[in-house]
Amino acid sequence: MSAAAQAPSPESINTDQLLLALDMVSQGGVVKSAGLYYFDHGRRVPEHLTGVFDRLVWAGWVGVAPGDPVWARRALGLTEAGQARYAHSREQHRRCYAEHGSSTETLAKGAQER
């Protein structure tokens, strides 16, 4: 079996974390170090997103470029499958917020009702 077939599905990732990770990769600037860390425009990515990036790579939604021989950092980019999933997820997210309002509005309404 391939590594992608054995890896946990990205579908099981929290939707907000999935969209955040895909958005970060789509904007460019995300690299993986020789160790276990990911960086976004030079800043270390929060640890809770490391597993999300790993799953996206294993599933083939995010590709990893060959490493930089000096710094041993490899750039991440969306694959065709990742681009399609990103577009689909953004559309679902946009429709959900259009129907239910933004999370900020929802929190404000809840605070006013108290």
N, C-alpha and C. Protein backbone atom coordinates (compact mmCIF):
# COMPACT_ATOMS: atom_id res chain seq x y z
N MET A 1 0.83 -1.19 0.00
CA MET A 1 0.00 0.00 0.00
C MET A 1 0.87 1.25 0.00
N SER A 2 0.40 2.28 -0.67
CA SER A 2 1.17 3.52 -0.70
C SER A 2 1.00 4.28 0.60
N ALA A 3 1.91 5.23 0.84
CA ALA A 3 1.84 6.05 2.06
C ALA A 3 0.56 6.87 2.08
N ALA A 4 0.12 7.34 0.89
CA ALA A 4 -1.10 8.15 0.84
C ALA A 4 -2.32 7.32 1.22
N ALA A 5 -2.31 6.03 0.87
CA ALA A 5 -3.45 5.18 1.21
C ALA A 5 -3.50 4.88 2.70
N GLN A 6 -2.36 4.88 3.37
CA GLN A 6 -2.30 4.59 4.79
C GLN A 6 -2.48 5.83 5.66
N ALA A 7 -2.26 6.99 5.11
CA ALA A 7 -2.33 8.23 5.89
C ALA A 7 -3.78 8.58 6.22
N PRO A 8 -3.99 9.25 7.36
CA PRO A 8 -5.33 9.71 7.69
C PRO A 8 -5.83 10.68 6.62
N SER A 9 -7.09 10.61 6.31
CA SER A 9 -7.67 11.45 5.28
C SER A 9 -7.72 12.91 5.72
N PRO A 10 -7.42 13.83 4.80
CA PRO A 10 -7.58 15.25 5.12
C PRO A 10 -9.04 15.60 5.42
N GLU A 11 -9.97 14.77 4.96
CA GLU A 11 -11.39 15.02 5.22
C GLU A 11 -11.69 15.02 6.71
N SER A 12 -10.86 14.35 7.51
CA SER A 12 -11.09 14.27 8.95
C SER A 12 -10.52 15.48 9.71
N ILE A 13 -9.85 16.38 9.00
CA ILE A 13 -9.27 17.57 9.61
C ILE A 13 -10.37 18.59 9.88
N ASN A 14 -10.25 19.29 10.98
CA ASN A 14 -11.14 20.40 11.29
C ASN A 14 -11.19 21.34 10.09
N THR A 15 -12.39 21.71 9.65
CA THR A 15 -12.56 22.52 8.44
C THR A 15 -11.81 23.84 8.50
N ASP A 16 -11.84 24.51 9.64
CA ASP A 16 -11.13 25.78 9.76
C ASP A 16 -9.63 25.60 9.61
N GLN A 17 -9.08 24.54 10.22
CA GLN A 17 -7.65 24.27 10.10
C GLN A 17 -7.29 23.89 8.67
N LEU A 18 -8.16 23.11 8.03
CA LEU A 18 -7.93 22.70 6.64
C LEU A 18 -7.87 23.93 5.74
N LEU A 19 -8.86 24.81 5.87
CA LEU A 19 -8.88 26.01 5.04
C LEU A 19 -7.70 26.92 5.33
N LEU A 20 -7.34 27.06 6.60
CA LEU A 20 -6.20 27.89 6.97
C LEU A 20 -4.92 27.36 6.33
N ALA A 21 -4.69 26.07 6.44
CA ALA A 21 -3.47 25.48 5.88
C ALA A 21 -3.45 25.61 4.35
N LEU A 22 -4.56 25.29 3.70
CA LEU A 22 -4.62 25.41 2.24
C LEU A 22 -4.44 26.86 1.80
N ASP A 23 -5.01 27.79 2.56
CA ASP A 23 -4.87 29.21 2.25
C ASP A 23 -3.42 29.65 2.38
N MET A 24 -2.76 29.21 3.44
CA MET A 24 -1.36 29.57 3.65
C MET A 24 -0.50 29.06 2.50
N VAL A 25 -0.72 27.82 2.08
CA VAL A 25 0.07 27.24 0.99
C VAL A 25 -0.24 27.95 -0.32
N SER A 26 -1.52 28.27 -0.56
CA SER A 26 -1.89 28.90 -1.82
C SER A 26 -1.27 30.29 -1.96
N GLN A 27 -1.02 30.96 -0.84
CA GLN A 27 -0.42 32.29 -0.87
C GLN A 27 1.10 32.26 -1.07
N GLY A 28 1.67 31.07 -0.98
CA GLY A 28 3.11 30.93 -1.15
C GLY A 28 3.84 31.26 0.14
N GLY A 29 5.10 30.90 0.21
CA GLY A 29 5.90 31.24 1.37
C GLY A 29 5.96 30.18 2.44
N VAL A 30 5.23 29.06 2.28
CA VAL A 30 5.29 27.99 3.27
C VAL A 30 6.39 27.02 2.88
N VAL A 31 7.28 26.75 3.81
CA VAL A 31 8.38 25.81 3.58
C VAL A 31 8.45 24.83 4.74
N LYS A 32 9.03 23.66 4.46
CA LYS A 32 9.27 22.66 5.49
C LYS A 32 10.77 22.58 5.71
N SER A 33 11.17 22.61 6.98
CA SER A 33 12.59 22.53 7.29
C SER A 33 13.02 21.07 7.27
N ALA A 34 14.33 20.86 7.39
CA ALA A 34 14.86 19.50 7.43
C ALA A 34 14.34 18.75 8.65
N GLY A 35 13.96 19.49 9.68
CA GLY A 35 13.39 18.88 10.87
C GLY A 35 11.90 18.68 10.70
N LEU A 36 11.15 18.90 11.74
CA LEU A 36 9.72 18.68 11.72
C LEU A 36 8.91 19.95 11.57
N TYR A 37 9.56 21.07 11.33
CA TYR A 37 8.87 22.34 11.39
C TYR A 37 8.49 22.89 10.02
N TYR A 38 7.38 23.62 10.01
CA TYR A 38 6.95 24.35 8.83
C TYR A 38 7.07 25.84 9.15
N PHE A 39 7.37 26.62 8.12
CA PHE A 39 7.50 28.07 8.27
C PHE A 39 6.64 28.75 7.21
N ASP A 40 6.00 29.85 7.60
CA ASP A 40 5.20 30.64 6.68
C ASP A 40 5.81 32.03 6.62
N HIS A 41 6.40 32.36 5.49
CA HIS A 41 7.08 33.65 5.30
C HIS A 41 8.08 33.90 6.44
N GLY A 42 8.85 32.87 6.79
CA GLY A 42 9.91 32.99 7.78
C GLY A 42 9.49 32.78 9.22
N ARG A 43 8.20 32.73 9.48
CA ARG A 43 7.72 32.54 10.86
C ARG A 43 7.26 31.09 11.04
N ARG A 44 7.64 30.51 12.15
CA ARG A 44 7.27 29.13 12.41
C ARG A 44 5.75 28.98 12.51
N VAL A 45 5.24 27.97 11.83
CA VAL A 45 3.81 27.69 11.83
C VAL A 45 3.43 27.10 13.19
N PRO A 46 2.28 27.48 13.76
CA PRO A 46 1.86 26.90 15.04
C PRO A 46 1.86 25.37 15.00
N GLU A 47 2.26 24.78 16.11
CA GLU A 47 2.42 23.34 16.17
C GLU A 47 1.16 22.56 15.82
N HIS A 48 -0.01 23.10 16.16
CA HIS A 48 -1.25 22.37 15.87
C HIS A 48 -1.54 22.25 14.37
N LEU A 49 -0.84 23.02 13.55
CA LEU A 49 -1.02 22.91 12.10
C LEU A 49 -0.02 21.97 11.44
N THR A 50 1.00 21.55 12.17
CA THR A 50 2.02 20.67 11.60
C THR A 50 1.39 19.38 11.08
N GLY A 51 0.53 18.77 11.87
CA GLY A 51 -0.14 17.54 11.44
C GLY A 51 -1.05 17.76 10.24
N VAL A 52 -1.64 18.94 10.16
CA VAL A 52 -2.51 19.27 9.03
C VAL A 52 -1.68 19.31 7.75
N PHE A 53 -0.54 20.01 7.79
CA PHE A 53 0.33 20.06 6.61
C PHE A 53 0.82 18.66 6.24
N ASP A 54 1.20 17.86 7.24
CA ASP A 54 1.65 16.50 6.96
C ASP A 54 0.57 15.70 6.24
N ARG A 55 -0.67 15.77 6.72
CA ARG A 55 -1.77 15.03 6.08
C ARG A 55 -2.01 15.50 4.66
N LEU A 56 -1.92 16.81 4.44
CA LEU A 56 -2.13 17.33 3.09
C LEU A 56 -1.06 16.85 2.12
N VAL A 57 0.17 16.76 2.61
CA VAL A 57 1.27 16.23 1.78
C VAL A 57 1.03 14.75 1.50
N TRP A 58 0.70 13.97 2.54
CA TRP A 58 0.48 12.53 2.37
C TRP A 58 -0.67 12.24 1.41
N ALA A 59 -1.70 13.10 1.45
CA ALA A 59 -2.87 12.88 0.59
C ALA A 59 -2.64 13.35 -0.85
N GLY A 60 -1.54 14.06 -1.08
CA GLY A 60 -1.25 14.54 -2.42
C GLY A 60 -1.93 15.85 -2.76
N TRP A 61 -2.45 16.56 -1.77
CA TRP A 61 -3.07 17.86 -2.01
C TRP A 61 -2.03 18.97 -2.01
N VAL A 62 -0.91 18.73 -1.35
CA VAL A 62 0.19 19.69 -1.28
C VAL A 62 1.46 18.96 -1.69
N GLY A 63 2.20 19.59 -2.59
CA GLY A 63 3.47 19.03 -3.03
C GLY A 63 4.63 19.72 -2.33
N VAL A 64 5.75 19.00 -2.24
CA VAL A 64 6.95 19.54 -1.61
C VAL A 64 8.06 19.57 -2.66
N ALA A 65 8.60 20.77 -2.88
CA ALA A 65 9.67 20.95 -3.86
C ALA A 65 10.98 20.37 -3.35
N PRO A 66 11.93 20.12 -4.25
CA PRO A 66 13.25 19.66 -3.81
C PRO A 66 13.86 20.65 -2.82
N GLY A 67 14.70 20.15 -1.93
CA GLY A 67 15.25 20.98 -0.86
C GLY A 67 16.32 21.94 -1.31
N ASP A 68 16.43 23.02 -0.56
CA ASP A 68 17.50 23.99 -0.73
C ASP A 68 18.75 23.36 -0.10
N PRO A 69 19.84 23.19 -0.86
CA PRO A 69 21.02 22.50 -0.31
C PRO A 69 21.69 23.21 0.86
N VAL A 70 21.53 24.52 0.96
CA VAL A 70 22.18 25.26 2.05
C VAL A 70 21.31 25.26 3.30
N TRP A 71 20.05 25.66 3.17
CA TRP A 71 19.18 25.81 4.33
C TRP A 71 18.30 24.59 4.58
N ALA A 72 18.28 23.65 3.66
CA ALA A 72 17.49 22.42 3.80
C ALA A 72 16.01 22.72 4.05
N ARG A 73 15.50 23.71 3.34
CA ARG A 73 14.07 24.05 3.41
C ARG A 73 13.45 23.79 2.05
N ARG A 74 12.25 23.19 2.09
CA ARG A 74 11.57 22.83 0.85
C ARG A 74 10.23 23.55 0.77
N ALA A 75 9.99 24.22 -0.35
CA ALA A 75 8.75 24.98 -0.54
C ALA A 75 7.57 24.04 -0.76
N LEU A 76 6.40 24.46 -0.25
CA LEU A 76 5.16 23.73 -0.46
C LEU A 76 4.31 24.44 -1.50
N GLY A 77 3.54 23.69 -2.24
CA GLY A 77 2.63 24.25 -3.24
C GLY A 77 1.43 23.33 -3.40
N LEU A 78 0.32 23.89 -3.81
CA LEU A 78 -0.89 23.10 -4.02
C LEU A 78 -0.75 22.28 -5.30
N THR A 79 -1.14 21.04 -5.25
CA THR A 79 -1.22 20.20 -6.45
C THR A 79 -2.56 20.50 -7.12
N GLU A 80 -2.82 19.89 -8.28
CA GLU A 80 -4.11 20.08 -8.94
C GLU A 80 -5.24 19.62 -8.03
N ALA A 81 -5.05 18.49 -7.37
CA ALA A 81 -6.08 17.99 -6.44
C ALA A 81 -6.27 18.96 -5.28
N GLY A 82 -5.18 19.52 -4.79
CA GLY A 82 -5.26 20.49 -3.70
C GLY A 82 -5.95 21.77 -4.12
N GLN A 83 -5.68 22.22 -5.35
CA GLN A 83 -6.34 23.42 -5.86
C GLN A 83 -7.85 23.21 -5.97
N ALA A 84 -8.24 22.05 -6.47
CA ALA A 84 -9.67 21.74 -6.61
C ALA A 84 -10.34 21.67 -5.25
N ARG A 85 -9.69 21.01 -4.30
CA ARG A 85 -10.26 20.89 -2.96
C ARG A 85 -10.32 22.24 -2.26
N TYR A 86 -9.31 23.05 -2.45
CA TYR A 86 -9.28 24.39 -1.85
C TYR A 86 -10.44 25.23 -2.39
N ALA A 87 -10.64 25.22 -3.69
CA ALA A 87 -11.74 25.98 -4.28
C ALA A 87 -13.09 25.47 -3.76
N HIS A 88 -13.25 24.17 -3.68
CA HIS A 88 -14.50 23.57 -3.18
C HIS A 88 -14.73 23.95 -1.71
N SER A 89 -13.70 23.84 -0.89
CA SER A 89 -13.81 24.15 0.54
C SER A 89 -14.12 25.62 0.76
N ARG A 90 -13.49 26.50 -0.01
CA ARG A 90 -13.77 27.93 0.13
C ARG A 90 -15.21 28.26 -0.23
N GLU A 91 -15.71 27.61 -1.28
CA GLU A 91 -17.10 27.85 -1.68
C GLU A 91 -18.07 27.37 -0.61
N GLN A 92 -17.81 26.19 -0.05
CA GLN A 92 -18.66 25.68 1.04
C GLN A 92 -18.62 26.62 2.24
N HIS A 93 -17.44 27.07 2.59
CA HIS A 93 -17.26 27.97 3.73
C HIS A 93 -17.99 29.29 3.49
N ARG A 94 -17.87 29.82 2.27
CA ARG A 94 -18.53 31.08 1.92
C ARG A 94 -20.06 30.93 2.02
N ARG A 95 -20.60 29.81 1.51
CA ARG A 95 -22.04 29.57 1.57
C ARG A 95 -22.52 29.43 3.01
N CYS A 96 -21.74 28.75 3.83
CA CYS A 96 -22.12 28.56 5.24
C CYS A 96 -22.22 29.90 5.95
N TYR A 97 -21.22 30.76 5.76
CA TYR A 97 -21.25 32.06 6.41
C TYR A 97 -22.32 32.98 5.83
N ALA A 98 -22.63 32.80 4.54
CA ALA A 98 -23.69 33.60 3.94
C ALA A 98 -25.04 33.23 4.56
N GLU A 99 -25.22 31.95 4.88
CA GLU A 99 -26.48 31.48 5.47
C GLU A 99 -26.57 31.81 6.96
N HIS A 100 -25.46 31.70 7.67
CA HIS A 100 -25.49 31.80 9.13
C HIS A 100 -24.81 33.04 9.68
N GLY A 101 -24.25 33.84 8.86
CA GLY A 101 -23.53 35.01 9.33
C GLY A 101 -22.12 34.65 9.75
N SER A 102 -21.28 35.65 9.85
CA SER A 102 -19.90 35.39 10.23
C SER A 102 -19.84 35.01 11.70
N SER A 103 -18.78 34.37 12.08
CA SER A 103 -18.62 33.95 13.47
C SER A 103 -18.58 35.16 14.40
N THR A 104 -18.03 36.28 13.93
CA THR A 104 -17.98 37.49 14.74
C THR A 104 -19.39 38.01 15.01
N GLU A 105 -20.24 38.00 13.97
CA GLU A 105 -21.63 38.43 14.14
C GLU A 105 -22.37 37.51 15.09
N THR A 106 -22.15 36.21 14.97
CA THR A 106 -22.81 35.23 15.83
C THR A 106 -22.41 35.44 17.28
N LEU A 107 -21.12 35.67 17.52
CA LEU A 107 -20.66 35.91 18.88
C LEU A 107 -21.24 37.19 19.45
N ALA A 108 -21.32 38.23 18.62
CA ALA A 108 -21.87 39.50 19.07
C ALA A 108 -23.35 39.35 19.43
N LYS A 109 -24.10 38.61 18.62
CA LYS A 109 -25.51 38.38 18.91
C LYS A 109 -25.69 37.64 20.21
N GLY A 110 -24.84 36.61 20.42
CA GLY A 110 -24.91 35.83 21.67
C GLY A 110 -24.61 36.69 22.88
N ALA A 111 -23.67 37.60 22.75
CA ALA A 111 -23.30 38.47 23.87
C ALA A 111 -24.42 39.47 24.16
N GLN A 112 -25.10 39.94 23.13
CA GLN A 112 -26.21 40.89 23.33
C GLN A 112 -27.41 40.23 24.00
N GLU A 113 -27.61 38.92 23.72
CA GLU A 113 -28.76 38.22 24.30
C GLU A 113 -28.57 37.95 25.80
N ARG A 114 -27.35 37.98 26.27
CA ARG A 114 -27.09 37.67 27.69
C ARG A 114 -27.44 38.80 28.54
